[in-house]
C-alpha atoms as a PDB file:
ATOM      1  CA  MET A   1      22.291  31.550   8.494  1.00  0.00           C
ATOM      2  CA  GLY A   2      24.072  29.372   6.291  1.00  0.00           C
ATOM      3  CA  ARG A   3      23.420  25.853   5.434  1.00  0.00           C
ATOM      4  CA  THR A   4      23.442  22.952   8.394  1.00  0.00           C
ATOM      5  CA  ARG A   5      25.346  20.252   8.223  1.00  0.00           C
ATOM      6  CA  THR A   6      23.896  16.920  10.417  1.00  0.00           C
ATOM      7  CA  TYR A   7      26.980  14.736  12.167  1.00  0.00           C
ATOM      8  CA  ARG A   8      25.967  11.143  13.391  1.00  0.00           C
ATOM      9  CA  CYS A   9      27.484   9.547  16.739  1.00  0.00           C
ATOM     10  CA  LEU A  10      29.833   6.746  15.662  1.00  0.00           C
ATOM     11  CA  GLY A  11      29.552   5.444  18.921  1.00  0.00           C
ATOM     12  CA  CYS A  12      25.698   4.822  19.658  1.00  0.00           C
ATOM     13  CA  LEU A  13      24.535   5.861  16.039  1.00  0.00           C
ATOM     14  CA  ASP A  14      20.993   7.225  17.806  1.00  0.00           C
ATOM     15  CA  HIS A  15      22.461  10.715  17.917  1.00  0.00           C
ATOM     16  CA  THR A  16      22.916  13.139  15.610  1.00  0.00           C
ATOM     17  CA  LEU A  17      24.014  17.198  15.818  1.00  0.00           C
ATOM     18  CA  ASP A  18      23.700  19.950  13.406  1.00  0.00           C
ATOM     19  CA  ARG A  19      26.763  22.540  12.375  1.00  0.00           C
ATOM     20  CA  GLU A  20      27.346  24.945  10.078  1.00  0.00           C
ATOM     21  CA  PHE A  21      30.160  23.935   8.970  1.00  0.00           C
ATOM     22  CA  ASP A  22      31.164  21.043   6.280  1.00  0.00           C
ATOM     23  CA  THR A  23      33.531  19.101   7.603  1.00  0.00           C
ATOM     24  CA  SER A  24      34.249  14.475   7.427  1.00  0.00           C
ATOM     25  CA  HIS A  25      33.990  14.226  11.332  1.00  0.00           C
ATOM     26  CA  LEU A  26      34.460  15.953  14.694  1.00  0.00           C
ATOM     27  CA  SER A  27      34.916  14.886  17.744  1.00  0.00           C
ATOM     28  CA  VAL A  28      32.900  15.617  20.796  1.00  0.00           C
ATOM     29  CA  THR A  29      30.977  13.916  23.959  1.00  0.00           C
ATOM     30  CA  CYS A  30      28.026  12.884  22.891  1.00  0.00           C
ATOM     31  CA  PRO A  31      25.063  13.455  25.004  1.00  0.00           C
ATOM     32  CA  SER A  32      23.449  10.319  24.494  1.00  0.00           C
ATOM     33  CA  CYS A  33      26.062   7.242  24.881  1.00  0.00           C
ATOM     34  CA  GLU A  34      28.415  10.335  26.919  1.00  0.00           C
ATOM     35  CA  SER A  35      31.461   8.821  25.412  1.00  0.00           C
ATOM     36  CA  PHE A  36      33.999  11.285  23.669  1.00  0.00           C
ATOM     37  CA  GLU A  37      33.591  10.161  20.212  1.00  0.00           C
ATOM     38  CA  ARG A  38      33.698  10.684  16.348  1.00  0.00           C
ATOM     39  CA  PHE A  39      30.450  12.090  14.534  1.00  0.00           C
ATOM     40  CA  VAL A  40      30.292  11.834  11.083  1.00  0.00           C
ATOM     41  CA  ASN A  41      29.252  13.922   8.432  1.00  0.00           C
ATOM     42  CA  GLU A  42      25.713  12.106   7.634  1.00  0.00           C
ATOM     43  CA  ALA A  43      26.201  12.536   3.723  1.00  0.00           C
ATOM     44  CA  VAL A  44      29.238   9.764   4.640  1.00  0.00           C
ATOM     45  CA  PHE A  45      27.669   7.721   7.297  1.00  0.00           C
ATOM     46  CA  GLN A  46      24.845   7.611   4.160  1.00  0.00           C
ATOM     47  CA  THR A  47      27.238   5.970   1.916  1.00  0.00           C
ATOM     48  CA  PHE A  48      28.742   3.504   4.395  1.00  0.00           C
ATOM     49  CA  ARG A  49      25.571   2.037   5.532  1.00  0.00           C
ATOM     50  CA  GLU A  50      24.122   2.146   1.661  1.00  0.00           C
ATOM     51  CA  PHE A  51      27.727  -0.048   1.154  1.00  0.00           C
ATOM     52  CA  GLU A  52      26.791  -1.811   4.251  1.00  0.00           C
ATOM     53  CA  GLU A  53      23.255  -3.253   2.804  1.00  0.00           C
ATOM     54  CA  SER A  54      24.403  -3.454  -0.848  1.00  0.00           C
ATOM     55  CA  PRO A  55      28.454  -4.156  -0.892  1.00  0.00           C
ATOM     56  CA  PRO A  56      30.241  -2.953  -3.916  1.00  0.00           C
ATOM     57  CA  GLU A  57      30.947  -5.767  -6.317  1.00  0.00           C
ATOM     58  CA  GLU A  58      34.648  -4.340  -6.691  1.00  0.00           C
ATOM     59  CA  PHE A  59      36.359  -5.740  -4.321  1.00  0.00           C
ATOM     60  CA  ASP A  60      35.837  -7.808  -0.998  1.00  0.00           C
ATOM     61  CA  TRP A  61      34.021  -4.523   1.231  1.00  0.00           C
ATOM     62  CA  ALA A  62      33.370  -7.399   3.858  1.00  0.00           C
ATOM     63  CA  ARG A  63      37.535  -7.990   4.660  1.00  0.00           C
ATOM     64  CA  LEU A  64      37.730  -4.188   5.427  1.00  0.00           C
ATOM     65  CA  ASP A  65      37.592  -3.397   9.197  1.00  0.00           C
ATOM     66  CA  ARG A  66      35.144  -0.140   9.887  1.00  0.00           C
ATOM     67  CA  THR A  67      37.745   2.553   9.766  1.00  0.00           C
ATOM     68  CA  GLU A  68      38.339   1.562   6.468  1.00  0.00           C
ATOM     69  CA  LYS A  69      35.621   1.533   4.910  1.00  0.00           C
ATOM     70  CA  LEU A  70      34.168   4.729   6.731  1.00  0.00           C
ATOM     71  CA  LEU A  71      37.908   6.614   4.824  1.00  0.00           C
ATOM     72  CA  ILE A  72      36.412   5.121   1.619  1.00  0.00           C
ATOM     73  CA  ALA A  73      33.162   6.041   2.448  1.00  0.00           C
ATOM     74  CA  GLU A  74      34.376   9.991   3.011  1.00  0.00           C
ATOM     75  CA  ARG A  75      36.698   9.884  -0.290  1.00  0.00           C
ATOM     76  CA  LEU A  76      33.453   8.826  -2.416  1.00  0.00           C
ATOM     77  CA  THR A  77      31.136  11.103  -0.810  1.00  0.00           C
ATOM     78  CA  ARG A  78      33.455  14.302  -0.063  1.00  0.00           C
ATOM     79  CA  THR A  79      35.650  14.189  -3.133  1.00  0.00           C
ATOM     80  CA  THR A  80      35.889  13.296  -7.202  1.00  0.00           C
ATOM     81  CA  LYS A  81      37.488   9.487  -6.220  1.00  0.00           C
ATOM     82  CA  THR A  82      35.363   6.201  -7.465  1.00  0.00           C
ATOM     83  CA  LEU A  83      35.209   2.442  -6.417  1.00  0.00           C
ATOM     84  CA  SER A  84      37.786   2.277  -9.044  1.00  0.00           C
ATOM     85  CA  ASP A  85      40.169   4.285  -7.083  1.00  0.00           C
ATOM     86  CA  PHE A  86      40.395   1.872  -4.640  1.00  0.00           C
ATOM     87  CA  ASP A  87      42.327  -1.367  -3.930  1.00  0.00           C
ATOM     88  CA  VAL A  88      41.813  -3.531  -1.493  1.00  0.00           C
ATOM     89  CA  VAL A  89      45.378  -5.515  -1.171  1.00  0.00           C
ATOM     90  CA  ASP A  90      46.976  -7.768   1.368  1.00  0.00           C
ATOM     91  CA  GLY A  91      49.839  -7.086   3.339  1.00  0.00           C
ATOM     92  CA  PRO A  92      50.418  -6.920   7.219  1.00  0.00           C
ATOM     93  CA  ASP A  93      49.417  -3.300   8.036  1.00  0.00           C
ATOM     94  CA  VAL A  94      47.783  -1.996   4.908  1.00  0.00           C
ATOM     95  CA  THR A  95      43.901  -3.694   4.018  1.00  0.00           C
ATOM     96  CA  ALA A  96      42.953  -0.672   1.605  1.00  0.00           C
ATOM     97  CA  VAL A  97      45.167   1.567  -0.256  1.00  0.00           C
ATOM     98  CA  GLU A  98      43.989   4.436  -3.082  1.00  0.00           C
END
């Protein structure tokens, strides 16, 4: 049996699932909130949560929407990217870019 990873429901934020594979997220029906939701890797969620509690000074974290914040948290947690690899830019369809 390999190492298990924990994934958290982004709908209710309460329910977690353990799986023996490592991915950024998975989509399943949550047994707690009964909605088909994205379950995010717990390590990614913890990075996201840390930035929510103490936003990075490098850019305007509050200006980003939840999906953008999760994308940045995923890249920081699961790749070699750092905060300096991201910029917040103005535009009608784009807020955060790498």
